[in-house]
């Protein structure tokens, strides 16, 4: 029956799955953080751009 498992015992299999899940969770968390940071950078860039346009526009008048 235990030949189905690649691991020595069911416990080792569960530990392996738990470790894989933790690694996946960490990777997904960092991916999410990176995406959120990219969004913030885009917002900042557009804000700076808007300010520059506003200043240039004000200069013309």
PDB file of N, CA and C in Angstrom:
ATOM      1  N   UNK A   1       0.826  -1.205   0.000  1.00  0.00           N
ATOM      2  CA  UNK A   1       0.000   0.000   0.000  1.00  0.00           C
ATOM      3  C   UNK A   1       0.864   1.261   0.000  1.00  0.00           C
ATOM      4  N   UNK A   2       1.951   1.245   0.777  1.00  0.00           N
ATOM      5  CA  UNK A   2       2.805   2.425   0.874  1.00  0.00           C
ATOM      6  C   UNK A   2       3.649   2.640  -0.368  1.00  0.00           C
ATOM      7  N   UNK A   3       3.612   1.698  -1.311  1.00  0.00           N
ATOM      8  CA  UNK A   3       4.383   1.852  -2.546  1.00  0.00           C
ATOM      9  C   UNK A   3       3.833   3.006  -3.385  1.00  0.00           C
ATOM     10  N   UNK A   4       2.578   3.382  -3.161  1.00  0.00           N
ATOM     11  CA  UNK A   4       1.954   4.481  -3.898  1.00  0.00           C
ATOM     12  C   UNK A   4       2.705   5.778  -3.592  1.00  0.00           C
ATOM     13  N   UNK A   5       3.083   5.946  -2.318  1.00  0.00           N
ATOM     14  CA  UNK A   5       3.765   7.166  -1.900  1.00  0.00           C
ATOM     15  C   UNK A   5       5.231   7.123  -2.272  1.00  0.00           C
ATOM     16  N   UNK A   6       5.734   8.221  -2.746  1.00  0.00           N
ATOM     17  CA  UNK A   6       7.144   8.332  -3.083  1.00  0.00           C
ATOM     18  C   UNK A   6       7.957   8.514  -1.804  1.00  0.00           C
ATOM     19  N   UNK A   7       7.298   8.871  -0.737  1.00  0.00           N
ATOM     20  CA  UNK A   7       7.956   9.181   0.527  1.00  0.00           C
ATOM     21  C   UNK A   7       7.987   7.950   1.418  1.00  0.00           C
ATOM     22  N   UNK A   8       8.838   7.992   2.428  1.00  0.00           N
ATOM     23  CA  UNK A   8       8.969   6.867   3.352  1.00  0.00           C
ATOM     24  C   UNK A   8       7.696   6.639   4.140  1.00  0.00           C
ATOM     25  N   UNK A   9       7.049   7.714   4.533  1.00  0.00           N
ATOM     26  CA  UNK A   9       5.822   7.588   5.319  1.00  0.00           C
ATOM     27  C   UNK A   9       4.835   8.673   4.917  1.00  0.00           C
ATOM     28  N   UNK A  10       3.611   8.503   5.353  1.00  0.00           N
ATOM     29  CA  UNK A  10       2.582   9.501   5.061  1.00  0.00           C
ATOM     30  C   UNK A  10       2.963  10.830   5.720  1.00  0.00           C
ATOM     31  N   UNK A  11       3.554  10.750   6.913  1.00  0.00           N
ATOM     32  CA  UNK A  11       3.962  11.956   7.637  1.00  0.00           C
ATOM     33  C   UNK A  11       4.967  12.759   6.822  1.00  0.00           C
ATOM     34  N   UNK A  12       5.960  12.086   6.237  1.00  0.00           N
ATOM     35  CA  UNK A  12       6.951  12.779   5.408  1.00  0.00           C
ATOM     36  C   UNK A  12       6.264  13.439   4.214  1.00  0.00           C
ATOM     37  N   UNK A  13       5.293  12.759   3.640  1.00  0.00           N
ATOM     38  CA  UNK A  13       4.541  13.308   2.517  1.00  0.00           C
ATOM     39  C   UNK A  13       3.793  14.572   2.908  1.00  0.00           C
ATOM     40  N   UNK A  14       3.176  14.536   4.086  1.00  0.00           N
ATOM     41  CA  UNK A  14       2.434  15.707   4.569  1.00  0.00           C
ATOM     42  C   UNK A  14       3.368  16.877   4.852  1.00  0.00           C
ATOM     43  N   UNK A  15       4.533  16.580   5.421  1.00  0.00           N
ATOM     44  CA  UNK A  15       5.518  17.635   5.683  1.00  0.00           C
ATOM     45  C   UNK A  15       5.965  18.251   4.365  1.00  0.00           C
ATOM     46  N   UNK A  16       6.222  17.404   3.363  1.00  0.00           N
ATOM     47  CA  UNK A  16       6.646  17.884   2.049  1.00  0.00           C
ATOM     48  C   UNK A  16       5.588  18.813   1.454  1.00  0.00           C
ATOM     49  N   UNK A  17       4.326  18.387   1.524  1.00  0.00           N
ATOM     50  CA  UNK A  17       3.222  19.195   0.985  1.00  0.00           C
ATOM     51  C   UNK A  17       3.121  20.524   1.744  1.00  0.00           C
ATOM     52  N   UNK A  18       3.282  20.478   3.064  1.00  0.00           N
ATOM     53  CA  UNK A  18       3.211  21.695   3.875  1.00  0.00           C
ATOM     54  C   UNK A  18       4.313  22.672   3.483  1.00  0.00           C
ATOM     55  N   UNK A  19       5.526  22.151   3.301  1.00  0.00           N
ATOM     56  CA  UNK A  19       6.656  23.005   2.917  1.00  0.00           C
ATOM     57  C   UNK A  19       6.401  23.629   1.551  1.00  0.00           C
ATOM     58  N   UNK A  20       5.922  22.829   0.602  1.00  0.00           N
ATOM     59  CA  UNK A  20       5.619  23.345  -0.737  1.00  0.00           C
ATOM     60  C   UNK A  20       4.557  24.446  -0.665  1.00  0.00           C
ATOM     61  N   UNK A  21       3.550  24.241   0.164  1.00  0.00           N
ATOM     62  CA  UNK A  21       2.470  25.226   0.303  1.00  0.00           C
ATOM     63  C   UNK A  21       2.994  26.541   0.866  1.00  0.00           C
ATOM     64  N   UNK A  22       3.877  26.451   1.858  1.00  0.00           N
ATOM     65  CA  UNK A  22       4.450  27.656   2.460  1.00  0.00           C
ATOM     66  C   UNK A  22       5.276  28.410   1.424  1.00  0.00           C
ATOM     67  N   UNK A  23       6.104  27.684   0.668  1.00  0.00           N
ATOM     68  CA  UNK A  23       6.926  28.318  -0.369  1.00  0.00           C
ATOM     69  C   UNK A  23       6.027  29.021  -1.382  1.00  0.00           C
ATOM     70  N   UNK A  24       4.978  28.341  -1.818  1.00  0.00           N
ATOM     71  CA  UNK A  24       4.052  28.915  -2.792  1.00  0.00           C
ATOM     72  C   UNK A  24       3.388  30.176  -2.233  1.00  0.00           C
ATOM     73  N   UNK A  25       2.977  30.113  -0.980  1.00  0.00           N
ATOM     74  CA  UNK A  25       2.324  31.260  -0.346  1.00  0.00           C
ATOM     75  C   UNK A  25       3.266  32.461  -0.295  1.00  0.00           C
ATOM     76  N   UNK A  26       4.523  32.219   0.061  1.00  0.00           N
ATOM     77  CA  UNK A  26       5.507  33.303   0.132  1.00  0.00           C
ATOM     78  C   UNK A  26       5.728  33.911  -1.248  1.00  0.00           C
ATOM     79  N   UNK A  27       5.869  33.049  -2.254  1.00  0.00           N
ATOM     80  CA  UNK A  27       6.081  33.523  -3.630  1.00  0.00           C
ATOM     81  C   UNK A  27       4.898  34.372  -4.087  1.00  0.00           C
ATOM     82  N   UNK A  28       3.681  33.894  -3.845  1.00  0.00           N
ATOM     83  CA  UNK A  28       2.488  34.638  -4.250  1.00  0.00           C
ATOM     84  C   UNK A  28       2.399  35.972  -3.516  1.00  0.00           C
ATOM     85  N   UNK A  29       2.744  35.962  -2.226  1.00  0.00           N
ATOM     86  CA  UNK A  29       2.709  37.184  -1.430  1.00  0.00           C
ATOM     87  C   UNK A  29       3.658  38.225  -2.006  1.00  0.00           C
ATOM     88  N   UNK A  30       4.887  37.803  -2.326  1.00  0.00           N
ATOM     89  CA  UNK A  30       5.862  38.752  -2.876  1.00  0.00           C
ATOM     90  C   UNK A  30       5.457  39.232  -4.259  1.00  0.00           C
ATOM     91  N   UNK A  31       4.859  38.344  -5.047  1.00  0.00           N
ATOM     92  CA  UNK A  31       4.380  38.726  -6.380  1.00  0.00           C
ATOM     93  C   UNK A  31       3.300  39.808  -6.238  1.00  0.00           C
ATOM     94  N   UNK A  32       2.391  39.607  -5.270  1.00  0.00           N
ATOM     95  CA  UNK A  32       1.319  40.576  -5.018  1.00  0.00           C
ATOM     96  C   UNK A  32       1.899  41.921  -4.574  1.00  0.00           C
ATOM     97  N   UNK A  33       2.885  41.876  -3.657  1.00  0.00           N
ATOM     98  CA  UNK A  33       3.522  43.101  -3.169  1.00  0.00           C
ATOM     99  C   UNK A  33       4.188  43.846  -4.318  1.00  0.00           C
ATOM    100  N   UNK A  34       4.872  43.097  -5.200  1.00  0.00           N
ATOM    101  CA  UNK A  34       5.580  43.705  -6.326  1.00  0.00           C
ATOM    102  C   UNK A  34       4.584  44.400  -7.252  1.00  0.00           C
ATOM    103  N   UNK A  35       3.465  43.743  -7.515  1.00  0.00           N
ATOM    104  CA  UNK A  35       2.433  44.326  -8.381  1.00  0.00           C
ATOM    105  C   UNK A  35       1.867  45.600  -7.747  1.00  0.00           C
ATOM    106  N   UNK A  36       1.617  45.550  -6.451  1.00  0.00           N
ATOM    107  CA  UNK A  36       1.080  46.711  -5.743  1.00  0.00           C
ATOM    108  C   UNK A  36       2.065  47.873  -5.803  1.00  0.00           C
ATOM    109  N   UNK A  37       3.357  47.566  -5.654  1.00  0.00           N
ATOM    110  CA  UNK A  37       4.379  48.614  -5.729  1.00  0.00           C
ATOM    111  C   UNK A  37       4.435  49.221  -7.123  1.00  0.00           C
ATOM    112  N   UNK A  38       4.319  48.370  -8.150  1.00  0.00           N
ATOM    113  CA  UNK A  38       4.325  48.872  -9.528  1.00  0.00           C
ATOM    114  C   UNK A  38       3.155  49.824  -9.751  1.00  0.00           C
ATOM    115  N   UNK A  39       1.996  49.467  -9.221  1.00  0.00           N
ATOM    116  CA  UNK A  39       0.816  50.330  -9.352  1.00  0.00           C
ATOM    117  C   UNK A  39       1.071  51.684  -8.684  1.00  0.00           C
ATOM    118  N   UNK A  40       1.667  51.656  -7.494  1.00  0.00           N
ATOM    119  CA  UNK A  40       1.959  52.901  -6.782  1.00  0.00           C
ATOM    120  C   UNK A  40       2.928  53.756  -7.580  1.00  0.00           C
ATOM    121  N   UNK A  41       3.934  53.119  -8.186  1.00  0.00           N
ATOM    122  CA  UNK A  41       4.903  53.865  -8.995  1.00  0.00           C
ATOM    123  C   UNK A  41       4.210  54.521 -10.180  1.00  0.00           C
ATOM    124  N   UNK A  42       3.290  53.788 -10.818  1.00  0.00           N
ATOM    125  CA  UNK A  42       2.540  54.358 -11.950  1.00  0.00           C
ATOM    126  C   UNK A  42       1.753  55.578 -11.496  1.00  0.00           C
ATOM    127  N   UNK A  43       1.093  55.447 -10.346  1.00  0.00           N
ATOM    128  CA  UNK A  43       0.314  56.565  -9.810  1.00  0.00           C
ATOM    129  C   UNK A  43       1.209  57.767  -9.532  1.00  0.00           C
ATOM    130  N   UNK A  44       2.379  57.514  -8.950  1.00  0.00           N
ATOM    131  CA  UNK A  44       3.316  58.601  -8.651  1.00  0.00           C
ATOM    132  C   UNK A  44       3.786  59.278  -9.928  1.00  0.00           C
ATOM    133  N   UNK A  45       4.128  58.464 -10.930  1.00  0.00           N
ATOM    134  CA  UNK A  45       4.606  59.026 -12.201  1.00  0.00           C
ATOM    135  C   UNK A  45       3.534  59.890 -12.844  1.00  0.00           C
ATOM    136  N   UNK A  46       2.292  59.423 -12.825  1.00  0.00           N
ATOM    137  CA  UNK A  46       1.223  60.210 -13.444  1.00  0.00           C
ATOM    138  C   UNK A  46       0.950  61.476 -12.628  1.00  0.00           C
ATOM    139  N   UNK A  47       1.094  61.374 -11.314  1.00  0.00           N
ATOM    140  CA  UNK A  47       0.914  62.552 -10.465  1.00  0.00           C
ATOM    141  C   UNK A  47       1.985  63.594 -10.765  1.00  0.00           C
ATOM    142  N   UNK A  48       3.234  63.144 -10.865  1.00  0.00           N
ATOM    143  CA  UNK A  48       4.342  64.055 -11.193  1.00  0.00           C
ATOM    144  C   UNK A  48       4.114  64.671 -12.569  1.00  0.00           C
ATOM    145  N   UNK A  49       3.687  63.842 -13.519  1.00  0.00           N
ATOM    146  CA  UNK A  49       3.411  64.327 -14.875  1.00  0.00           C
ATOM    147  C   UNK A  49       2.327  65.403 -14.846  1.00  0.00           C
ATOM    148  N   UNK A  50       1.251  65.136 -14.112  1.00  0.00           N
ATOM    149  CA  UNK A  50       0.156  66.110 -13.998  1.00  0.00           C
ATOM    150  C   UNK A  50       0.651  67.424 -13.399  1.00  0.00           C
ATOM    151  N   UNK A  51       1.476  67.322 -12.361  1.00  0.00           N
ATOM    152  CA  UNK A  51       2.022  68.530 -11.733  1.00  0.00           C
ATOM    153  C   UNK A  51       2.883  69.319 -12.714  1.00  0.00           C
ATOM    154  N   UNK A  52       3.713  68.602 -13.475  1.00  0.00           N
ATOM    155  CA  UNK A  52       4.567  69.277 -14.463  1.00  0.00           C
ATOM    156  C   UNK A  52       3.715  69.996 -15.504  1.00  0.00           C
ATOM    157  N   UNK A  53       2.674  69.326 -15.988  1.00  0.00           N
ATOM    158  CA  UNK A  53       1.799  69.933 -16.987  1.00  0.00           C
ATOM    159  C   UNK A  53       1.105  71.167 -16.400  1.00  0.00           C
ATOM    160  N   UNK A  54       0.679  71.056 -15.158  1.00  0.00           N
ATOM    161  CA  UNK A  54       0.010  72.164 -14.477  1.00  0.00           C
ATOM    162  C   UNK A  54       0.950  73.370 -14.366  1.00  0.00           C
ATOM    163  N   UNK A  55       2.195  73.105 -13.969  1.00  0.00           N
ATOM    164  CA  UNK A  55       3.184  74.183 -13.826  1.00  0.00           C
ATOM    165  C   UNK A  55       3.473  74.823 -15.180  1.00  0.00           C
ATOM    166  N   UNK A  56       3.651  74.005 -16.207  1.00  0.00           N
ATOM    167  CA  UNK A  56       3.917  74.531 -17.557  1.00  0.00           C
ATOM    168  C   UNK A  56       2.737  75.380 -18.035  1.00  0.00           C
ATOM    169  N   UNK A  57       1.547  74.878 -17.781  1.00  0.00           N
ATOM    170  CA  UNK A  57       0.335  75.581 -18.205  1.00  0.00           C
ATOM    171  C   UNK A  57       0.222  76.925 -17.482  1.00  0.00           C
ATOM    172  N   UNK A  58       0.529  76.936 -16.217  1.00  0.00           N
ATOM    173  CA  UNK A  58       0.461  78.156 -15.419  1.00  0.00           C
ATOM    174  C   UNK A  58       1.493  79.170 -15.904  1.00  0.00           C
ATOM    175  N   UNK A  59       2.645  78.675 -16.337  1.00  0.00           N
ATOM    176  CA  UNK A  59       3.719  79.549 -16.829  1.00  0.00           C
ATOM    177  C   UNK A  59       3.302  80.311 -18.084  1.00  0.00           C
ATOM    178  N   UNK A  60       2.524  79.660 -18.929  1.00  0.00           N
ATOM    179  CA  UNK A  60       2.128  80.260 -20.209  1.00  0.00           C
ATOM    180  C   UNK A  60       1.228  81.468 -20.006  1.00  0.00           C
ATOM    181  N   UNK A  61       0.402  81.441 -18.959  1.00  0.00           N
ATOM    182  CA  UNK A  61      -0.556  82.535 -18.745  1.00  0.00           C
ATOM    183  C   UNK A  61       0.055  83.727 -18.074  1.00  0.00           C
TER     184      UNK A  61
END
